[in-house]
Amino acid sequence: MMTAMLPFTEAALFTLGCMAIHALRRHADTVTAALACFVTLLVLMLGIAYAPEPFTQIQMAQMSDFVGADPSLY
């Protein structure tokens, strides 16, 4: 039952978004900037969510994991 309501919910949200854009057409610059920020954040979140596992491990690693201090150098 819940999966059958998903397309209707998506259609309703899309219609509300179109209505909001239409109502704010006098403020086109602000709406454009807000939508650009939204899309940028969405792409960033999707990129982080689908990043390969080694990349996230490297990102979370500490500097000491990569740099081996050789005592003979000192």
N, C-alpha and C. Protein backbone atom coordinates (compact mmCIF):
# COMPACT_ATOMS: atom_id res chain seq x y z
N MET A 1 0.82 -1.20 0.00
CA MET A 1 0.00 0.00 0.00
C MET A 1 0.87 1.26 0.00
N MET A 2 1.97 1.21 0.78
CA MET A 2 2.81 2.39 0.89
C MET A 2 3.57 2.65 -0.41
N THR A 3 3.99 1.58 -1.10
CA THR A 3 4.71 1.76 -2.35
C THR A 3 3.82 2.31 -3.44
N ALA A 4 2.51 2.08 -3.36
CA ALA A 4 1.59 2.61 -4.35
C ALA A 4 1.41 4.12 -4.18
N MET A 5 1.65 4.63 -3.00
CA MET A 5 1.48 6.06 -2.76
C MET A 5 2.73 6.86 -3.14
N LEU A 6 3.85 6.20 -3.34
CA LEU A 6 5.08 6.89 -3.65
C LEU A 6 4.99 7.73 -4.93
N PRO A 7 4.48 7.21 -6.05
CA PRO A 7 4.38 8.05 -7.25
C PRO A 7 3.47 9.26 -7.05
N PHE A 8 2.40 9.09 -6.30
CA PHE A 8 1.49 10.20 -6.05
C PHE A 8 2.15 11.27 -5.18
N THR A 9 2.94 10.84 -4.22
CA THR A 9 3.66 11.78 -3.37
C THR A 9 4.71 12.54 -4.19
N GLU A 10 5.42 11.83 -5.04
CA GLU A 10 6.41 12.49 -5.90
C GLU A 10 5.74 13.49 -6.84
N ALA A 11 4.61 13.11 -7.41
CA ALA A 11 3.89 14.02 -8.31
C ALA A 11 3.39 15.25 -7.56
N ALA A 12 2.92 15.05 -6.34
CA ALA A 12 2.43 16.18 -5.54
C ALA A 12 3.57 17.13 -5.19
N LEU A 13 4.72 16.59 -4.81
CA LEU A 13 5.88 17.44 -4.49
C LEU A 13 6.37 18.18 -5.73
N PHE A 14 6.37 17.51 -6.87
CA PHE A 14 6.77 18.16 -8.11
C PHE A 14 5.82 19.31 -8.44
N THR A 15 4.51 19.07 -8.29
CA THR A 15 3.51 20.11 -8.57
C THR A 15 3.65 21.28 -7.61
N LEU A 16 3.90 20.99 -6.34
CA LEU A 16 4.10 22.08 -5.37
C LEU A 16 5.35 22.88 -5.70
N GLY A 17 6.41 22.20 -6.14
CA GLY A 17 7.62 22.90 -6.53
C GLY A 17 7.38 23.80 -7.73
N CYS A 18 6.64 23.30 -8.71
CA CYS A 18 6.31 24.12 -9.88
C CYS A 18 5.46 25.32 -9.49
N MET A 19 4.53 25.12 -8.57
CA MET A 19 3.70 26.23 -8.11
C MET A 19 4.54 27.27 -7.40
N ALA A 20 5.49 26.82 -6.60
CA ALA A 20 6.36 27.76 -5.88
C ALA A 20 7.23 28.56 -6.86
N ILE A 21 7.78 27.87 -7.85
CA ILE A 21 8.59 28.57 -8.86
C ILE A 21 7.74 29.57 -9.63
N HIS A 22 6.53 29.17 -9.97
CA HIS A 22 5.64 30.08 -10.70
C HIS A 22 5.25 31.28 -9.84
N ALA A 23 5.01 31.05 -8.56
CA ALA A 23 4.63 32.15 -7.67
C ALA A 23 5.79 33.12 -7.44
N LEU A 24 7.01 32.62 -7.52
CA LEU A 24 8.19 33.45 -7.27
C LEU A 24 8.89 33.89 -8.56
N ARG A 25 8.17 33.91 -9.66
CA ARG A 25 8.80 34.26 -10.94
C ARG A 25 9.30 35.69 -10.99
N ARG A 26 8.80 36.55 -10.12
CA ARG A 26 9.30 37.93 -10.06
C ARG A 26 10.70 37.98 -9.43
N HIS A 27 11.02 36.96 -8.70
CA HIS A 27 12.32 36.87 -8.03
C HIS A 27 13.15 35.78 -8.69
N ALA A 28 13.26 35.83 -10.00
CA ALA A 28 13.91 34.76 -10.77
C ALA A 28 15.38 34.58 -10.39
N ASP A 29 16.08 35.67 -10.10
CA ASP A 29 17.50 35.55 -9.74
C ASP A 29 17.68 34.78 -8.43
N THR A 30 16.83 35.07 -7.46
CA THR A 30 16.92 34.40 -6.17
C THR A 30 16.56 32.92 -6.29
N VAL A 31 15.51 32.65 -7.06
CA VAL A 31 15.09 31.25 -7.26
C VAL A 31 16.18 30.47 -8.00
N THR A 32 16.78 31.09 -9.00
CA THR A 32 17.85 30.42 -9.75
C THR A 32 19.04 30.12 -8.84
N ALA A 33 19.43 31.06 -8.01
CA ALA A 33 20.54 30.84 -7.09
C ALA A 33 20.22 29.74 -6.08
N ALA A 34 19.00 29.74 -5.57
CA ALA A 34 18.60 28.72 -4.60
C ALA A 34 18.59 27.33 -5.25
N LEU A 35 18.07 27.24 -6.46
CA LEU A 35 18.05 25.95 -7.15
C LEU A 35 19.46 25.48 -7.50
N ALA A 36 20.34 26.40 -7.86
CA ALA A 36 21.73 26.03 -8.16
C ALA A 36 22.42 25.50 -6.91
N CYS A 37 22.19 26.14 -5.77
CA CYS A 37 22.77 25.65 -4.50
C CYS A 37 22.21 24.29 -4.15
N PHE A 38 20.92 24.10 -4.36
CA PHE A 38 20.29 22.82 -4.06
C PHE A 38 20.88 21.70 -4.92
N VAL A 39 21.03 21.95 -6.20
CA VAL A 39 21.58 20.94 -7.11
C VAL A 39 23.04 20.65 -6.76
N THR A 40 23.80 21.69 -6.42
CA THR A 40 25.20 21.48 -6.04
C THR A 40 25.31 20.62 -4.79
N LEU A 41 24.49 20.89 -3.79
CA LEU A 41 24.50 20.07 -2.57
C LEU A 41 24.05 18.65 -2.85
N LEU A 42 23.06 18.50 -3.73
CA LEU A 42 22.58 17.16 -4.07
C LEU A 42 23.66 16.35 -4.76
N VAL A 43 24.38 16.96 -5.70
CA VAL A 43 25.47 16.27 -6.39
C VAL A 43 26.59 15.92 -5.41
N LEU A 44 26.90 16.83 -4.50
CA LEU A 44 27.93 16.56 -3.49
C LEU A 44 27.53 15.40 -2.59
N MET A 45 26.28 15.38 -2.14
CA MET A 45 25.82 14.30 -1.27
C MET A 45 25.82 12.97 -2.01
N LEU A 46 25.40 12.96 -3.27
CA LEU A 46 25.41 11.71 -4.04
C LEU A 46 26.84 11.24 -4.29
N GLY A 47 27.75 12.19 -4.53
CA GLY A 47 29.14 11.82 -4.74
C GLY A 47 29.75 11.21 -3.50
N ILE A 48 29.42 11.74 -2.35
CA ILE A 48 29.93 11.18 -1.09
C ILE A 48 29.29 9.81 -0.82
N ALA A 49 28.00 9.69 -1.11
CA ALA A 49 27.30 8.43 -0.84
C ALA A 49 27.81 7.30 -1.72
N TYR A 50 28.18 7.60 -2.96
CA TYR A 50 28.61 6.56 -3.89
C TYR A 50 30.12 6.56 -4.11
N ALA A 51 30.86 7.17 -3.21
CA ALA A 51 32.32 7.16 -3.32
C ALA A 51 32.83 5.74 -3.11
N PRO A 52 33.85 5.35 -3.84
CA PRO A 52 34.39 4.01 -3.63
C PRO A 52 34.96 3.86 -2.21
N GLU A 53 34.93 2.67 -1.72
CA GLU A 53 35.35 2.40 -0.34
C GLU A 53 36.80 2.79 -0.07
N PRO A 54 37.76 2.48 -0.94
CA PRO A 54 39.14 2.88 -0.63
C PRO A 54 39.30 4.39 -0.50
N PHE A 55 38.55 5.15 -1.28
CA PHE A 55 38.65 6.60 -1.19
C PHE A 55 38.21 7.10 0.18
N THR A 56 37.12 6.54 0.70
CA THR A 56 36.65 6.98 2.02
C THR A 56 37.62 6.52 3.10
N GLN A 57 38.26 5.37 2.92
CA GLN A 57 39.24 4.93 3.91
C GLN A 57 40.46 5.83 3.89
N ILE A 58 40.90 6.24 2.72
CA ILE A 58 42.03 7.15 2.62
C ILE A 58 41.68 8.49 3.23
N GLN A 59 40.45 8.93 3.00
CA GLN A 59 40.01 10.22 3.52
C GLN A 59 39.99 10.21 5.05
N MET A 60 39.66 9.08 5.65
CA MET A 60 39.56 9.00 7.10
C MET A 60 40.88 8.60 7.75
N ALA A 61 41.88 8.24 6.97
CA ALA A 61 43.15 7.80 7.52
C ALA A 61 43.91 8.99 8.10
N GLN A 62 44.81 8.68 9.01
CA GLN A 62 45.64 9.71 9.60
C GLN A 62 46.92 9.84 8.80
N MET A 63 47.60 10.93 8.99
CA MET A 63 48.84 11.18 8.25
C MET A 63 49.90 10.15 8.60
N SER A 64 49.90 9.66 9.83
CA SER A 64 50.90 8.67 10.24
C SER A 64 50.72 7.34 9.52
N ASP A 65 49.55 7.10 8.94
CA ASP A 65 49.34 5.86 8.19
C ASP A 65 50.12 5.86 6.88
N PHE A 66 50.44 7.05 6.36
CA PHE A 66 51.11 7.15 5.07
C PHE A 66 52.58 7.51 5.18
N VAL A 67 52.93 8.23 6.20
CA VAL A 67 54.30 8.72 6.35
C VAL A 67 55.00 7.84 7.38
N GLY A 68 56.04 7.18 6.92
CA GLY A 68 56.82 6.37 7.84
C GLY A 68 58.10 7.14 8.20
N ALA A 69 58.23 7.54 9.44
CA ALA A 69 59.42 8.28 9.84
C ALA A 69 60.57 7.32 10.00
N ASP A 70 61.62 7.57 9.25
CA ASP A 70 62.82 6.75 9.31
C ASP A 70 63.77 7.35 10.31
N PRO A 71 64.07 6.66 11.43
CA PRO A 71 64.94 7.24 12.45
C PRO A 71 66.35 7.51 11.96
N SER A 72 66.78 6.84 10.91
CA SER A 72 68.15 7.07 10.42
C SER A 72 68.29 8.43 9.74
N LEU A 73 67.20 9.04 9.39
CA LEU A 73 67.25 10.36 8.74
C LEU A 73 67.53 11.49 9.73
N TYR A 74 67.34 11.23 11.01
CA TYR A 74 67.48 12.31 11.98
C TYR A 74 68.81 12.29 12.63
